Protein backbone atom coordinates (compact mmCIF):
# COMPACT_ATOMS: atom_id res chain seq x y z
CA UNK A 1 5.34 -11.88 -26.63
CA UNK A 2 5.64 -11.94 -22.92
CA UNK A 3 2.16 -11.76 -20.74
CA UNK A 4 0.60 -9.43 -17.92
CA UNK A 5 1.79 -11.78 -14.97
CA UNK A 6 5.41 -12.83 -16.96
CA UNK A 7 6.53 -9.17 -16.96
CA UNK A 8 4.65 -7.93 -13.62
CA UNK A 9 6.14 -10.89 -10.90
CA UNK A 10 9.63 -10.78 -12.91
CA UNK A 11 12.95 -9.47 -10.13
CA UNK A 12 9.90 -9.60 -7.91
CA UNK A 13 8.78 -5.37 -8.16
CA UNK A 14 7.82 -2.87 -5.75
CA UNK A 15 4.39 -1.89 -7.07
CA UNK A 16 2.80 1.43 -4.74
CA UNK A 17 -0.95 1.19 -4.77
CA UNK A 18 -2.43 4.97 -5.04
CA UNK A 19 -5.76 5.00 -3.91
CA UNK A 20 -5.70 1.39 -2.61
CA UNK A 21 -8.99 1.71 -0.85
CA UNK A 22 -9.83 -1.94 1.18
CA UNK A 23 -6.96 -2.80 -0.83
CA UNK A 24 -8.45 -5.33 -3.47
CA UNK A 25 -5.60 -4.28 -5.94
CA UNK A 26 -2.90 -4.69 -4.04
CA UNK A 27 -3.55 -8.66 -2.72
CA UNK A 28 -4.04 -9.21 -6.27
CA UNK A 29 -0.47 -7.89 -7.45
CA UNK A 30 1.13 -9.58 -4.11
CA UNK A 31 -0.17 -12.82 -5.02
CA UNK A 32 1.21 -12.21 -8.28
CA UNK A 33 4.51 -12.14 -6.45
CA UNK A 34 5.07 -8.26 -6.25
CA UNK A 35 5.53 -6.61 -3.00
CA UNK A 36 2.29 -4.29 -2.38
CA UNK A 37 2.16 -1.29 -0.35
CA UNK A 38 -1.14 0.73 -0.31
CA UNK A 39 -1.26 4.56 0.41
CA UNK A 40 -5.54 5.71 1.09
CA UNK A 41 -6.67 9.18 1.87
CA UNK A 42 -9.68 7.64 3.99
CA UNK A 43 -7.76 6.36 7.35
CA UNK A 44 -10.83 4.00 7.47
CA UNK A 45 -10.29 2.21 3.99
CA UNK A 46 -6.15 1.57 4.95
CA UNK A 47 -7.83 0.11 8.32
CA UNK A 48 -9.93 -3.00 6.65
CA UNK A 49 -7.06 -3.06 4.07
CA UNK A 50 -4.69 -3.67 7.23
CA UNK A 51 -7.30 -5.67 9.07
CA UNK A 52 -8.65 -8.16 6.06
CA UNK A 53 -5.79 -8.69 4.19
CA UNK A 54 -2.54 -10.14 3.96
CA UNK A 55 0.26 -9.55 6.89
CA UNK A 56 2.65 -9.16 4.31
CA UNK A 57 1.15 -6.29 2.76
CA UNK A 58 1.17 -2.52 3.92
CA UNK A 59 -1.46 0.06 4.08
CA UNK A 60 -0.64 3.57 4.97
CA UNK A 61 -3.25 6.29 5.42
CA UNK A 62 -1.36 9.49 4.02
CA UNK A 63 -3.15 11.61 6.22
CA UNK A 64 -2.02 10.43 9.44
CA UNK A 65 1.61 10.32 7.62
CA UNK A 66 0.64 14.33 7.06
CA UNK A 67 -0.34 14.52 10.86
CA UNK A 68 3.20 12.36 12.23
CA UNK A 69 5.14 14.99 9.84
CA UNK A 70 3.41 18.02 11.49
CA UNK A 71 3.39 17.26 14.57
CA UNK A 72 6.94 15.78 14.51
CA UNK A 73 8.39 19.08 13.25
CA UNK A 74 6.43 21.60 15.56
CA UNK A 75 7.85 19.28 18.34
CA UNK A 76 11.35 19.61 17.11
CA UNK A 77 11.14 23.13 16.03
């Protein structure tokens, strides 16, 4: 039987941490060797996570993505 760490880290999987908050889980998962992207509704928490976690982690605010998409659609409509 494999441990959780062994099963998570086999083949360096990519994980999307939805509702990542300050990025604590994303940070711990990346320490296990995974590629992690964090997504949260709060722009403040996404900015905090981006500024206080590893440079190899990516954090996004989902509302910022929607706002950008909406602006692009309006611009090119």
